[in-house]
PDB file of N, CA and C in Angstrom:
ATOM      1  N   MET A   1     -40.029 -28.183 -50.370  1.00  0.00           N
ATOM      2  CA  MET A   1     -41.401 -27.984 -50.840  1.00  0.00           C
ATOM      3  C   MET A   1     -42.072 -26.962 -49.924  1.00  0.00           C
ATOM      4  N   GLY A   2     -42.850 -26.053 -50.494  1.00  0.00           N
ATOM      5  CA  GLY A   2     -43.485 -25.000 -49.721  1.00  0.00           C
ATOM      6  C   GLY A   2     -44.809 -25.418 -49.127  1.00  0.00           C
ATOM      7  N   ILE A   3     -44.796 -26.427 -48.317  1.00  0.00           N
ATOM      8  CA  ILE A   3     -46.033 -26.880 -47.679  1.00  0.00           C
ATOM      9  C   ILE A   3     -45.901 -26.624 -46.172  1.00  0.00           C
ATOM     10  N   ASN A   4     -46.877 -25.933 -45.626  1.00  0.00           N
ATOM     11  CA  ASN A   4     -46.823 -25.542 -44.223  1.00  0.00           C
ATOM     12  C   ASN A   4     -47.824 -26.378 -43.431  1.00  0.00           C
ATOM     13  N   ILE A   5     -47.307 -27.319 -42.649  1.00  0.00           N
ATOM     14  CA  ILE A   5     -48.149 -28.230 -41.876  1.00  0.00           C
ATOM     15  C   ILE A   5     -47.981 -27.926 -40.393  1.00  0.00           C
ATOM     16  N   GLN A   6     -49.086 -27.930 -39.701  1.00  0.00           N
ATOM     17  CA  GLN A   6     -49.095 -27.770 -38.253  1.00  0.00           C
ATOM     18  C   GLN A   6     -49.776 -28.999 -37.661  1.00  0.00           C
ATOM     19  N   ILE A   7     -49.144 -29.602 -36.661  1.00  0.00           N
ATOM     20  CA  ILE A   7     -49.726 -30.770 -36.002  1.00  0.00           C
ATOM     21  C   ILE A   7     -49.884 -30.454 -34.520  1.00  0.00           C
ATOM     22  N   PHE A   8     -51.126 -30.511 -34.047  1.00  0.00           N
ATOM     23  CA  PHE A   8     -51.415 -30.333 -32.623  1.00  0.00           C
ATOM     24  C   PHE A   8     -51.678 -31.711 -32.046  1.00  0.00           C
ATOM     25  N   GLY A   9     -51.023 -32.035 -30.943  1.00  0.00           N
ATOM     26  CA  GLY A   9     -51.254 -33.340 -30.355  1.00  0.00           C
ATOM     27  C   GLY A   9     -50.454 -33.534 -29.096  1.00  0.00           C
ATOM     28  N   SER A  10     -50.278 -34.795 -28.752  1.00  0.00           N
ATOM     29  CA  SER A  10     -49.529 -35.178 -27.556  1.00  0.00           C
ATOM     30  C   SER A  10     -48.524 -36.238 -27.964  1.00  0.00           C
ATOM     31  N   LEU A  11     -47.337 -36.155 -27.395  1.00  0.00           N
ATOM     32  CA  LEU A  11     -46.308 -37.142 -27.733  1.00  0.00           C
ATOM     33  C   LEU A  11     -46.680 -38.543 -27.261  1.00  0.00           C
ATOM     34  N   LYS A  12     -47.643 -38.647 -26.337  1.00  0.00           N
ATOM     35  CA  LYS A  12     -48.100 -39.960 -25.858  1.00  0.00           C
ATOM     36  C   LYS A  12     -49.150 -40.564 -26.794  1.00  0.00           C
ATOM     37  N   CYS A  13     -49.644 -39.780 -27.743  1.00  0.00           N
ATOM     38  CA  CYS A  13     -50.703 -40.233 -28.643  1.00  0.00           C
ATOM     39  C   CYS A  13     -50.103 -40.967 -29.845  1.00  0.00           C
ATOM     40  N   GLN A  14     -50.531 -42.209 -30.044  1.00  0.00           N
ATOM     41  CA  GLN A  14     -50.031 -43.026 -31.162  1.00  0.00           C
ATOM     42  C   GLN A  14     -50.310 -42.369 -32.511  1.00  0.00           C
ATOM     43  N   ASN A  15     -51.522 -41.853 -32.695  1.00  0.00           N
ATOM     44  CA  ASN A  15     -51.876 -41.257 -33.981  1.00  0.00           C
ATOM     45  C   ASN A  15     -51.096 -39.971 -34.256  1.00  0.00           C
ATOM     46  N   THR A  16     -50.779 -39.221 -33.210  1.00  0.00           N
ATOM     47  CA  THR A  16     -49.950 -38.020 -33.381  1.00  0.00           C
ATOM     48  C   THR A  16     -48.568 -38.440 -33.866  1.00  0.00           C
ATOM     49  N   ASN A  17     -48.008 -39.459 -33.250  1.00  0.00           N
ATOM     50  CA  ASN A  17     -46.689 -39.939 -33.659  1.00  0.00           C
ATOM     51  C   ASN A  17     -46.710 -40.491 -35.081  1.00  0.00           C
ATOM     52  N   LYS A  18     -47.792 -41.176 -35.444  1.00  0.00           N
ATOM     53  CA  LYS A  18     -47.916 -41.696 -36.813  1.00  0.00           C
ATOM     54  C   LYS A  18     -48.011 -40.533 -37.811  1.00  0.00           C
ATOM     55  N   ALA A  19     -48.718 -39.472 -37.437  1.00  0.00           N
ATOM     56  CA  ALA A  19     -48.841 -38.304 -38.318  1.00  0.00           C
ATOM     57  C   ALA A  19     -47.475 -37.656 -38.528  1.00  0.00           C
ATOM     58  N   MET A  20     -46.722 -37.490 -37.458  1.00  0.00           N
ATOM     59  CA  MET A  20     -45.392 -36.875 -37.583  1.00  0.00           C
ATOM     60  C   MET A  20     -44.490 -37.749 -38.459  1.00  0.00           C
ATOM     61  N   ARG A  21     -44.575 -39.059 -38.270  1.00  0.00           N
ATOM     62  CA  ARG A  21     -43.772 -39.983 -39.080  1.00  0.00           C
ATOM     63  C   ARG A  21     -44.174 -39.885 -40.558  1.00  0.00           C
ATOM     64  N   PHE A  22     -45.475 -39.775 -40.835  1.00  0.00           N
ATOM     65  CA  PHE A  22     -45.981 -39.654 -42.208  1.00  0.00           C
ATOM     66  C   PHE A  22     -45.301 -38.481 -42.926  1.00  0.00           C
ATOM     67  N   PHE A  23     -45.272 -37.322 -42.279  1.00  0.00           N
ATOM     68  CA  PHE A  23     -44.679 -36.145 -42.919  1.00  0.00           C
ATOM     69  C   PHE A  23     -43.156 -36.227 -42.977  1.00  0.00           C
ATOM     70  N   LYS A  24     -42.518 -36.766 -41.917  1.00  0.00           N
ATOM     71  CA  LYS A  24     -41.060 -36.930 -41.902  1.00  0.00           C
ATOM     72  C   LYS A  24     -40.618 -37.822 -43.049  1.00  0.00           C
ATOM     73  N   GLU A  25     -41.322 -38.949 -43.253  1.00  0.00           N
ATOM     74  CA  GLU A  25     -40.956 -39.901 -44.297  1.00  0.00           C
ATOM     75  C   GLU A  25     -41.027 -39.291 -45.695  1.00  0.00           C
ATOM     76  N   ARG A  26     -41.818 -38.245 -45.835  1.00  0.00           N
ATOM     77  CA  ARG A  26     -41.971 -37.579 -47.133  1.00  0.00           C
ATOM     78  C   ARG A  26     -41.122 -36.313 -47.223  1.00  0.00           C
ATOM     79  N   GLY A  27     -40.292 -36.099 -46.215  1.00  0.00           N
ATOM     80  CA  GLY A  27     -39.397 -34.941 -46.210  1.00  0.00           C
ATOM     81  C   GLY A  27     -40.126 -33.609 -46.067  1.00  0.00           C
ATOM     82  N   ILE A  28     -41.284 -33.643 -45.418  1.00  0.00           N
ATOM     83  CA  ILE A  28     -42.076 -32.427 -45.255  1.00  0.00           C
ATOM     84  C   ILE A  28     -41.930 -31.934 -43.823  1.00  0.00           C
ATOM     85  N   LYS A  29     -41.454 -30.687 -43.713  1.00  0.00           N
ATOM     86  CA  LYS A  29     -41.301 -30.108 -42.381  1.00  0.00           C
ATOM     87  C   LYS A  29     -42.675 -29.733 -41.846  1.00  0.00           C
ATOM     88  N   PHE A  30     -42.810 -29.848 -40.543  1.00  0.00           N
ATOM     89  CA  PHE A  30     -44.082 -29.482 -39.899  1.00  0.00           C
ATOM     90  C   PHE A  30     -43.767 -28.818 -38.574  1.00  0.00           C
ATOM     91  N   HIS A  31     -44.732 -28.098 -38.088  1.00  0.00           N
ATOM     92  CA  HIS A  31     -44.610 -27.459 -36.778  1.00  0.00           C
ATOM     93  C   HIS A  31     -45.482 -28.246 -35.814  1.00  0.00           C
ATOM     94  N   PHE A  32     -44.855 -28.803 -34.776  1.00  0.00           N
ATOM     95  CA  PHE A  32     -45.594 -29.595 -33.792  1.00  0.00           C
ATOM     96  C   PHE A  32     -45.921 -28.737 -32.572  1.00  0.00           C
ATOM     97  N   VAL A  33     -47.174 -28.783 -32.141  1.00  0.00           N
ATOM     98  CA  VAL A  33     -47.603 -28.087 -30.928  1.00  0.00           C
ATOM     99  C   VAL A  33     -48.091 -29.145 -29.939  1.00  0.00           C
ATOM    100  N   ASP A  34     -47.389 -29.235 -28.811  1.00  0.00           N
ATOM    101  CA  ASP A  34     -47.752 -30.202 -27.776  1.00  0.00           C
ATOM    102  C   ASP A  34     -48.867 -29.594 -26.924  1.00  0.00           C
ATOM    103  N   LEU A  35     -50.044 -30.211 -26.967  1.00  0.00           N
ATOM    104  CA  LEU A  35     -51.201 -29.676 -26.244  1.00  0.00           C
ATOM    105  C   LEU A  35     -51.031 -29.734 -24.730  1.00  0.00           C
ATOM    106  N   LYS A  36     -50.022 -30.460 -24.255  1.00  0.00           N
ATOM    107  CA  LYS A  36     -49.750 -30.460 -22.809  1.00  0.00           C
ATOM    108  C   LYS A  36     -49.071 -29.156 -22.400  1.00  0.00           C
ATOM    109  N   GLU A  37     -48.434 -28.501 -23.378  1.00  0.00           N
ATOM    110  CA  GLU A  37     -47.678 -27.284 -23.080  1.00  0.00           C
ATOM    111  C   GLU A  37     -48.376 -26.015 -23.575  1.00  0.00           C
ATOM    112  N   LYS A  38     -49.097 -26.124 -24.666  1.00  0.00           N
ATOM    113  CA  LYS A  38     -49.682 -24.929 -25.281  1.00  0.00           C
ATOM    114  C   LYS A  38     -51.047 -25.281 -25.860  1.00  0.00           C
ATOM    115  N   SER A  39     -51.996 -24.419 -25.622  1.00  0.00           N
ATOM    116  CA  SER A  39     -53.344 -24.664 -26.112  1.00  0.00           C
ATOM    117  C   SER A  39     -53.528 -24.102 -27.524  1.00  0.00           C
ATOM    118  N   ILE A  40     -54.560 -24.540 -28.174  1.00  0.00           N
ATOM    119  CA  ILE A  40     -54.966 -23.957 -29.456  1.00  0.00           C
ATOM    120  C   ILE A  40     -55.679 -22.653 -29.128  1.00  0.00           C
ATOM    121  N   THR A  41     -55.347 -21.585 -29.859  1.00  0.00           N
ATOM    122  CA  THR A  41     -55.973 -20.292 -29.583  1.00  0.00           C
ATOM    123  C   THR A  41     -57.405 -20.277 -30.130  1.00  0.00           C
ATOM    124  N   ALA A  42     -58.186 -19.305 -29.677  1.00  0.00           N
ATOM    125  CA  ALA A  42     -59.577 -19.174 -30.134  1.00  0.00           C
ATOM    126  C   ALA A  42     -59.618 -18.987 -31.653  1.00  0.00           C
ATOM    127  N   GLY A  43     -58.708 -18.180 -32.190  1.00  0.00           N
ATOM    128  CA  GLY A  43     -58.656 -17.958 -33.641  1.00  0.00           C
ATOM    129  C   GLY A  43     -58.323 -19.231 -34.400  1.00  0.00           C
ATOM    130  N   GLU A  44     -57.348 -19.985 -33.889  1.00  0.00           N
ATOM    131  CA  GLU A  44     -56.980 -21.258 -34.524  1.00  0.00           C
ATOM    132  C   GLU A  44     -58.161 -22.227 -34.479  1.00  0.00           C
ATOM    133  N   LEU A  45     -58.842 -22.281 -33.339  1.00  0.00           N
ATOM    134  CA  LEU A  45     -59.989 -23.185 -33.202  1.00  0.00           C
ATOM    135  C   LEU A  45     -61.090 -22.803 -34.193  1.00  0.00           C
ATOM    136  N   ASP A  46     -61.327 -21.511 -34.372  1.00  0.00           N
ATOM    137  CA  ASP A  46     -62.331 -21.060 -35.344  1.00  0.00           C
ATOM    138  C   ASP A  46     -61.947 -21.504 -36.751  1.00  0.00           C
ATOM    139  N   ASN A  47     -60.660 -21.372 -37.103  1.00  0.00           N
ATOM    140  CA  ASN A  47     -60.194 -21.809 -38.431  1.00  0.00           C
ATOM    141  C   ASN A  47     -60.338 -23.321 -38.601  1.00  0.00           C
ATOM    142  N   ILE A  48     -59.949 -24.072 -37.588  1.00  0.00           N
ATOM    143  CA  ILE A  48     -60.038 -25.534 -37.645  1.00  0.00           C
ATOM    144  C   ILE A  48     -61.497 -25.964 -37.791  1.00  0.00           C
ATOM    145  N   SER A  49     -62.390 -25.311 -37.036  1.00  0.00           N
ATOM    146  CA  SER A  49     -63.794 -25.741 -37.045  1.00  0.00           C
ATOM    147  C   SER A  49     -64.521 -25.351 -38.339  1.00  0.00           C
ATOM    148  N   ARG A  50     -63.837 -24.654 -39.243  1.00  0.00           N
ATOM    149  CA  ARG A  50     -64.410 -24.431 -40.585  1.00  0.00           C
ATOM    150  C   ARG A  50     -64.277 -25.701 -41.430  1.00  0.00           C
ATOM    151  N   SER A  51     -63.273 -26.525 -41.124  1.00  0.00           N
ATOM    152  CA  SER A  51     -63.053 -27.780 -41.853  1.00  0.00           C
ATOM    153  C   SER A  51     -63.608 -28.988 -41.118  1.00  0.00           C
ATOM    154  N   VAL A  52     -63.533 -28.941 -39.792  1.00  0.00           N
ATOM    155  CA  VAL A  52     -63.938 -30.075 -38.962  1.00  0.00           C
ATOM    156  C   VAL A  52     -65.010 -29.587 -37.983  1.00  0.00           C
ATOM    157  N   PRO A  53     -66.192 -30.193 -37.989  1.00  0.00           N
ATOM    158  CA  PRO A  53     -67.230 -29.773 -37.031  1.00  0.00           C
ATOM    159  C   PRO A  53     -66.697 -29.838 -35.599  1.00  0.00           C
ATOM    160  N   ILE A  54     -67.005 -28.822 -34.817  1.00  0.00           N
ATOM    161  CA  ILE A  54     -66.448 -28.715 -33.460  1.00  0.00           C
ATOM    162  C   ILE A  54     -66.749 -29.933 -32.595  1.00  0.00           C
ATOM    163  N   GLU A  55     -67.923 -30.543 -32.800  1.00  0.00           N
ATOM    164  CA  GLU A  55     -68.252 -31.729 -31.979  1.00  0.00           C
ATOM    165  C   GLU A  55     -67.360 -32.923 -32.334  1.00  0.00           C
ATOM    166  N   ASN A  56     -66.698 -32.896 -33.496  1.00  0.00           N
ATOM    167  CA  ASN A  56     -65.766 -33.972 -33.876  1.00  0.00           C
ATOM    168  C   ASN A  56     -64.378 -33.758 -33.268  1.00  0.00           C
ATOM    169  N   LEU A  57     -64.140 -32.582 -32.702  1.00  0.00           N
ATOM    170  CA  LEU A  57     -62.817 -32.271 -32.153  1.00  0.00           C
ATOM    171  C   LEU A  57     -62.642 -32.725 -30.708  1.00  0.00           C
ATOM    172  N   ILE A  58     -63.748 -32.928 -30.009  1.00  0.00           N
ATOM    173  CA  ILE A  58     -63.648 -33.296 -28.590  1.00  0.00           C
ATOM    174  C   ILE A  58     -63.597 -34.819 -28.448  1.00  0.00           C
ATOM    175  N   ASP A  59     -62.657 -35.284 -27.645  1.00  0.00           N
ATOM    176  CA  ASP A  59     -62.458 -36.726 -27.461  1.00  0.00           C
ATOM    177  C   ASP A  59     -63.325 -37.219 -26.304  1.00  0.00           C
ATOM    178  N   ILE A  60     -64.529 -37.672 -26.653  1.00  0.00           N
ATOM    179  CA  ILE A  60     -65.473 -38.101 -25.605  1.00  0.00           C
ATOM    180  C   ILE A  60     -65.085 -39.449 -24.985  1.00  0.00           C
ATOM    181  N   ASP A  61     -64.087 -40.117 -25.570  1.00  0.00           N
ATOM    182  CA  ASP A  61     -63.620 -41.386 -25.006  1.00  0.00           C
ATOM    183  C   ASP A  61     -62.319 -41.220 -24.227  1.00  0.00           C
ATOM    184  N   GLY A  62     -61.805 -39.992 -24.171  1.00  0.00           N
ATOM    185  CA  GLY A  62     -60.510 -39.757 -23.535  1.00  0.00           C
ATOM    186  C   GLY A  62     -60.576 -39.595 -22.026  1.00  0.00           C
ATOM    187  N   LYS A  63     -59.388 -39.700 -21.405  1.00  0.00           N
ATOM    188  CA  LYS A  63     -59.262 -39.599 -19.947  1.00  0.00           C
ATOM    189  C   LYS A  63     -59.723 -38.233 -19.441  1.00  0.00           C
ATOM    190  N   GLU A  64     -59.367 -37.179 -20.160  1.00  0.00           N
ATOM    191  CA  GLU A  64     -59.691 -35.820 -19.707  1.00  0.00           C
ATOM    192  C   GLU A  64     -61.204 -35.619 -19.645  1.00  0.00           C
ATOM    193  N   TYR A  65     -61.910 -36.126 -20.642  1.00  0.00           N
ATOM    194  CA  TYR A  65     -63.382 -36.005 -20.696  1.00  0.00           C
ATOM    195  C   TYR A  65     -64.006 -36.691 -19.478  1.00  0.00           C
ATOM    196  N   LEU A  66     -63.500 -37.893 -19.165  1.00  0.00           N
ATOM    197  CA  LEU A  66     -63.996 -38.638 -17.999  1.00  0.00           C
ATOM    198  C   LEU A  66     -63.651 -37.923 -16.703  1.00  0.00           C
ATOM    199  N   LYS A  67     -62.406 -37.437 -16.618  1.00  0.00           N
ATOM    200  CA  LYS A  67     -61.931 -36.763 -15.416  1.00  0.00           C
ATOM    201  C   LYS A  67     -62.785 -35.523 -15.100  1.00  0.00           C
ATOM    202  N   LEU A  68     -63.161 -34.789 -16.163  1.00  0.00           N
ATOM    203  CA  LEU A  68     -63.956 -33.575 -15.970  1.00  0.00           C
ATOM    204  C   LEU A  68     -65.453 -33.871 -15.835  1.00  0.00           C
ATOM    205  N   ASN A  69     -65.809 -35.150 -15.984  1.00  0.00           N
ATOM    206  CA  ASN A  69     -67.203 -35.586 -15.823  1.00  0.00           C
ATOM    207  C   ASN A  69     -68.148 -34.912 -16.821  1.00  0.00           C
ATOM    208  N   LEU A  70     -67.658 -34.628 -18.016  1.00  0.00           N
ATOM    209  CA  LEU A  70     -68.443 -33.869 -18.992  1.00  0.00           C
ATOM    210  C   LEU A  70     -69.619 -34.646 -19.574  1.00  0.00           C
ATOM    211  N   LYS A  71     -69.589 -35.951 -19.415  1.00  0.00           N
ATOM    212  CA  LYS A  71     -70.678 -36.785 -19.924  1.00  0.00           C
ATOM    213  C   LYS A  71     -72.011 -36.388 -19.296  1.00  0.00           C
ATOM    214  N   TYR A  72     -71.941 -35.923 -18.053  1.00  0.00           N
ATOM    215  CA  TYR A  72     -73.159 -35.633 -17.300  1.00  0.00           C
ATOM    216  C   TYR A  72     -73.434 -34.137 -17.126  1.00  0.00           C
ATOM    217  N   ILE A  73     -72.638 -33.323 -17.796  1.00  0.00           N
ATOM    218  CA  ILE A  73     -72.775 -31.871 -17.639  1.00  0.00           C
ATOM    219  C   ILE A  73     -73.057 -31.249 -19.001  1.00  0.00           C
ATOM    220  N   ILE A  74     -74.027 -30.348 -19.052  1.00  0.00           N
ATOM    221  CA  ILE A  74     -74.258 -29.597 -20.288  1.00  0.00           C
ATOM    222  C   ILE A  74     -73.121 -28.583 -20.381  1.00  0.00           C
ATOM    223  N   HIS A  75     -72.422 -28.602 -21.501  1.00  0.00           N
ATOM    224  CA  HIS A  75     -71.262 -27.719 -21.635  1.00  0.00           C
ATOM    225  C   HIS A  75     -71.130 -27.191 -23.056  1.00  0.00           C
ATOM    226  N   ASP A  76     -70.430 -26.082 -23.179  1.00  0.00           N
ATOM    227  CA  ASP A  76     -70.108 -25.485 -24.471  1.00  0.00           C
ATOM    228  C   ASP A  76     -68.793 -26.120 -24.933  1.00  0.00           C
ATOM    229  N   ILE A  77     -68.849 -26.895 -26.011  1.00  0.00           N
ATOM    230  CA  ILE A  77     -67.675 -27.647 -26.473  1.00  0.00           C
ATOM    231  C   ILE A  77     -66.507 -26.699 -26.762  1.00  0.00           C
ATOM    232  N   ARG A  78     -66.782 -25.597 -27.469  1.00  0.00           N
ATOM    233  CA  ARG A  78     -65.719 -24.653 -27.824  1.00  0.00           C
ATOM    234  C   ARG A  78     -65.020 -24.119 -26.564  1.00  0.00           C
ATOM    235  N   GLU A  79     -65.823 -23.720 -25.591  1.00  0.00           N
ATOM    236  CA  GLU A  79     -65.285 -23.195 -24.327  1.00  0.00           C
ATOM    237  C   GLU A  79     -64.415 -24.226 -23.623  1.00  0.00           C
ATOM    238  N   LYS A  80     -64.902 -25.460 -23.543  1.00  0.00           N
ATOM    239  CA  LYS A  80     -64.162 -26.520 -22.852  1.00  0.00           C
ATOM    240  C   LYS A  80     -62.859 -26.855 -23.577  1.00  0.00           C
ATOM    241  N   LEU A  81     -62.885 -26.883 -24.922  1.00  0.00           N
ATOM    242  CA  LEU A  81     -61.668 -27.173 -25.686  1.00  0.00           C
ATOM    243  C   LEU A  81     -60.615 -26.095 -25.446  1.00  0.00           C
ATOM    244  N   LEU A  82     -61.051 -24.840 -25.390  1.00  0.00           N
ATOM    245  CA  LEU A  82     -60.109 -23.749 -25.161  1.00  0.00           C
ATOM    246  C   LEU A  82     -59.551 -23.790 -23.735  1.00  0.00           C
ATOM    247  N   GLU A  83     -60.378 -24.190 -22.802  1.00  0.00           N
ATOM    248  CA  GLU A  83     -59.966 -24.240 -21.396  1.00  0.00           C
ATOM    249  C   GLU A  83     -59.116 -25.475 -21.080  1.00  0.00           C
ATOM    250  N   PHE A  84     -59.440 -26.602 -21.705  1.00  0.00           N
ATOM    251  CA  PHE A  84     -58.758 -27.872 -21.433  1.00  0.00           C
ATOM    252  C   PHE A  84     -58.267 -28.488 -22.753  1.00  0.00           C
ATOM    253  N   PRO A  85     -57.069 -28.100 -23.216  1.00  0.00           N
ATOM    254  CA  PRO A  85     -56.578 -28.577 -24.519  1.00  0.00           C
ATOM    255  C   PRO A  85     -56.448 -30.097 -24.635  1.00  0.00           C
ATOM    256  N   LEU A  86     -56.336 -30.796 -23.509  1.00  0.00           N
ATOM    257  CA  LEU A  86     -56.212 -32.261 -23.583  1.00  0.00           C
ATOM    258  C   LEU A  86     -57.537 -32.936 -23.926  1.00  0.00           C
ATOM    259  N   LEU A  87     -58.597 -32.152 -24.084  1.00  0.00           N
ATOM    260  CA  LEU A  87     -59.881 -32.698 -24.534  1.00  0.00           C
ATOM    261  C   LEU A  87     -59.907 -32.937 -26.048  1.00  0.00           C
ATOM    262  N   PHE A  88     -58.954 -32.350 -26.770  1.00  0.00           N
ATOM    263  CA  PHE A  88     -58.940 -32.520 -28.224  1.00  0.00           C
ATOM    264  C   PHE A  88     -58.669 -33.956 -28.613  1.00  0.00           C
ATOM    265  N   LYS A  89     -59.392 -34.415 -29.632  1.00  0.00           N
ATOM    266  CA  LYS A  89     -59.086 -35.675 -30.291  1.00  0.00           C
ATOM    267  C   LYS A  89     -57.841 -35.358 -31.124  1.00  0.00           C
ATOM    268  N   THR A  90     -56.837 -36.185 -31.067  1.00  0.00           N
ATOM    269  CA  THR A  90     -55.585 -35.842 -31.747  1.00  0.00           C
ATOM    270  C   THR A  90     -55.165 -36.895 -32.758  1.00  0.00           C
ATOM    271  N   PRO A  91     -54.323 -36.508 -33.708  1.00  0.00           N
ATOM    272  CA  PRO A  91     -53.797 -35.170 -33.916  1.00  0.00           C
ATOM    273  C   PRO A  91     -54.792 -34.283 -34.677  1.00  0.00           C
ATOM    274  N   VAL A  92     -54.666 -32.996 -34.427  1.00  0.00           N
ATOM    275  CA  VAL A  92     -55.352 -32.008 -35.265  1.00  0.00           C
ATOM    276  C   VAL A  92     -54.264 -31.514 -36.196  1.00  0.00           C
ATOM    277  N   THR A  93     -54.458 -31.703 -37.496  1.00  0.00           N
ATOM    278  CA  THR A  93     -53.442 -31.350 -38.487  1.00  0.00           C
ATOM    279  C   THR A  93     -53.993 -30.259 -39.384  1.00  0.00           C
ATOM    280  N   ARG A  94     -53.170 -29.206 -39.577  1.00  0.00           N
ATOM    281  CA  ARG A  94     -53.615 -28.077 -40.397  1.00  0.00           C
ATOM    282  C   ARG A  94     -52.692 -27.868 -41.584  1.00  0.00           C
ATOM    283  N   PHE A  95     -53.296 -27.523 -42.692  1.00  0.00           N
ATOM    284  CA  PHE A  95     -52.589 -27.148 -43.911  1.00  0.00           C
ATOM    285  C   PHE A  95     -53.342 -25.955 -44.478  1.00  0.00           C
ATOM    286  N   GLY A  96     -52.824 -24.746 -44.242  1.00  0.00           N
ATOM    287  CA  GLY A  96     -53.536 -23.551 -44.675  1.00  0.00           C
ATOM    288  C   GLY A  96     -54.890 -23.469 -43.997  1.00  0.00           C
ATOM    289  N   ARG A  97     -55.940 -23.404 -44.808  1.00  0.00           N
ATOM    290  CA  ARG A  97     -57.299 -23.316 -44.255  1.00  0.00           C
ATOM    291  C   ARG A  97     -57.933 -24.684 -44.042  1.00  0.00           C
ATOM    292  N   LEU A  98     -57.220 -25.744 -44.407  1.00  0.00           N
ATOM    293  CA  LEU A  98     -57.754 -27.100 -44.281  1.00  0.00           C
ATOM    294  C   LEU A  98     -57.264 -27.755 -42.996  1.00  0.00           C
ATOM    295  N   SER A  99     -58.113 -28.568 -42.403  1.00  0.00           N
ATOM    296  CA  SER A  99     -57.750 -29.268 -41.162  1.00  0.00           C
ATOM    297  C   SER A  99     -58.321 -30.676 -41.164  1.00  0.00           C
ATOM    298  N   THR A 100     -57.661 -31.543 -40.411  1.00  0.00           N
ATOM    299  CA  THR A 100     -58.177 -32.891 -40.178  1.00  0.00           C
ATOM    300  C   THR A 100     -58.028 -33.200 -38.698  1.00  0.00           C
ATOM    301  N   VAL A 101     -58.774 -34.181 -38.235  1.00  0.00           N
ATOM    302  CA  VAL A 101     -58.608 -34.685 -36.873  1.00  0.00           C
ATOM    303  C   VAL A 101     -58.439 -36.190 -36.976  1.00  0.00           C
ATOM    304  N   GLY A 102     -57.465 -36.713 -36.214  1.00  0.00           N
ATOM    305  CA  GLY A 102     -57.163 -38.136 -36.298  1.00  0.00           C
ATOM    306  C   GLY A 102     -56.104 -38.395 -37.366  1.00  0.00           C
ATOM    307  N   TYR A 103     -55.849 -39.665 -37.611  1.00  0.00           N
ATOM    308  CA  TYR A 103     -54.837 -40.071 -38.600  1.00  0.00           C
ATOM    309  C   TYR A 103     -55.506 -40.168 -39.963  1.00  0.00           C
ATOM    310  N   GLU A 104     -55.156 -39.244 -40.874  1.00  0.00           N
ATOM    311  CA  GLU A 104     -55.831 -39.141 -42.175  1.00  0.00           C
ATOM    312  C   GLU A 104     -54.839 -39.090 -43.342  1.00  0.00           C
ATOM    313  N   PRO A 105     -54.046 -40.147 -43.545  1.00  0.00           N
ATOM    314  CA  PRO A 105     -53.004 -40.102 -44.581  1.00  0.00           C
ATOM    315  C   PRO A 105     -53.529 -39.861 -45.995  1.00  0.00           C
ATOM    316  N   GLU A 106     -54.721 -40.355 -46.318  1.00  0.00           N
ATOM    317  CA  GLU A 106     -55.246 -40.165 -47.678  1.00  0.00           C
ATOM    318  C   GLU A 106     -55.505 -38.687 -47.958  1.00  0.00           C
ATOM    319  N   ILE A 107     -56.026 -37.980 -46.979  1.00  0.00           N
ATOM    320  CA  ILE A 107     -56.273 -36.540 -47.138  1.00  0.00           C
ATOM    321  C   ILE A 107     -54.940 -35.805 -47.217  1.00  0.00           C
ATOM    322  N   TRP A 108     -53.987 -36.183 -46.362  1.00  0.00           N
ATOM    323  CA  TRP A 108     -52.687 -35.508 -46.362  1.00  0.00           C
ATOM    324  C   TRP A 108     -51.962 -35.702 -47.691  1.00  0.00           C
ATOM    325  N   LYS A 109     -52.106 -36.881 -48.300  1.00  0.00           N
ATOM    326  CA  LYS A 109     -51.482 -37.110 -49.618  1.00  0.00           C
ATOM    327  C   LYS A 109     -52.040 -36.131 -50.638  1.00  0.00           C
ATOM    328  N   LYS A 110     -53.346 -35.852 -50.564  1.00  0.00           N
ATOM    329  CA  LYS A 110     -53.977 -34.884 -51.484  1.00  0.00           C
ATOM    330  C   LYS A 110     -53.421 -33.493 -51.231  1.00  0.00           C
ATOM    331  N   TRP A 111     -53.204 -33.135 -49.972  1.00  0.00           N
ATOM    332  CA  TRP A 111     -52.615 -31.821 -49.646  1.00  0.00           C
ATOM    333  C   TRP A 111     -51.247 -31.687 -50.295  1.00  0.00           C
ATOM    334  N   ILE A 112     -50.428 -32.745 -50.159  1.00  0.00           N
ATOM    335  CA  ILE A 112     -49.073 -32.726 -50.701  1.00  0.00           C
ATOM    336  C   ILE A 112     -49.122 -32.580 -52.220  1.00  0.00           C
ATOM    337  N   GLU A 113     -50.007 -33.347 -52.859  1.00  0.00           N
ATOM    338  CA  GLU A 113     -50.160 -33.258 -54.317  1.00  0.00           C
ATOM    339  C   GLU A 113     -50.557 -31.848 -54.746  1.00  0.00           C
ATOM    340  N   SER A 114     -51.481 -31.247 -54.016  1.00  0.00           N
ATOM    341  CA  SER A 114     -51.974 -29.912 -54.387  1.00  0.00           C
ATOM    342  C   SER A 114     -50.899 -28.843 -54.212  1.00  0.00           C
ATOM    343  N   ALA A 115     -49.897 -29.124 -53.378  1.00  0.00           N
ATOM    344  CA  ALA A 115     -48.844 -28.141 -53.113  1.00  0.00           C
ATOM    345  C   ALA A 115     -47.696 -28.221 -54.116  1.00  0.00           C
ATOM    346  N   LYS A 116     -47.701 -29.276 -54.949  1.00  0.00           N
ATOM    347  CA  LYS A 116     -46.599 -29.456 -55.923  1.00  0.00           C
ATOM    348  C   LYS A 116     -46.738 -28.503 -57.083  1.00  0.00           C
TER     349      LYS A 116
END
C-alpha cells in the first residue's frame, strides 16, 4: 500500500511503541525517527504545527521539561522543541501533510482508509 508514515518518538515511550505496533499489525511500513538520536527539523516542525498546535507538541509533564526548569521560564516553544527534541510529546506521527501527537488509532485508521 502506498502510505507513507513517519513516527517520531523514543523507544522508551509506551505510546510510541504502541503506534509502531499499530502500523506493523496492518502491514504498513513506516519510518521511525528516534528523537534521542535525531531532532525534528525546523521545516518538519512547521509542517507538523499546521495540523497540531505547537503548544500541544511540548510535553509539560515530561522529565526534560522539569530538568530544563521551563515551568518557571518564559520561553519560545518552537525554539525549545528544536533545541531539545526530548521535549516533544510522543509519538508525533505524520502522514503527508497530516500529523498527530500521542496515540491516535482512530485518526490513523482514517488515514489508511483514505489511502486505499
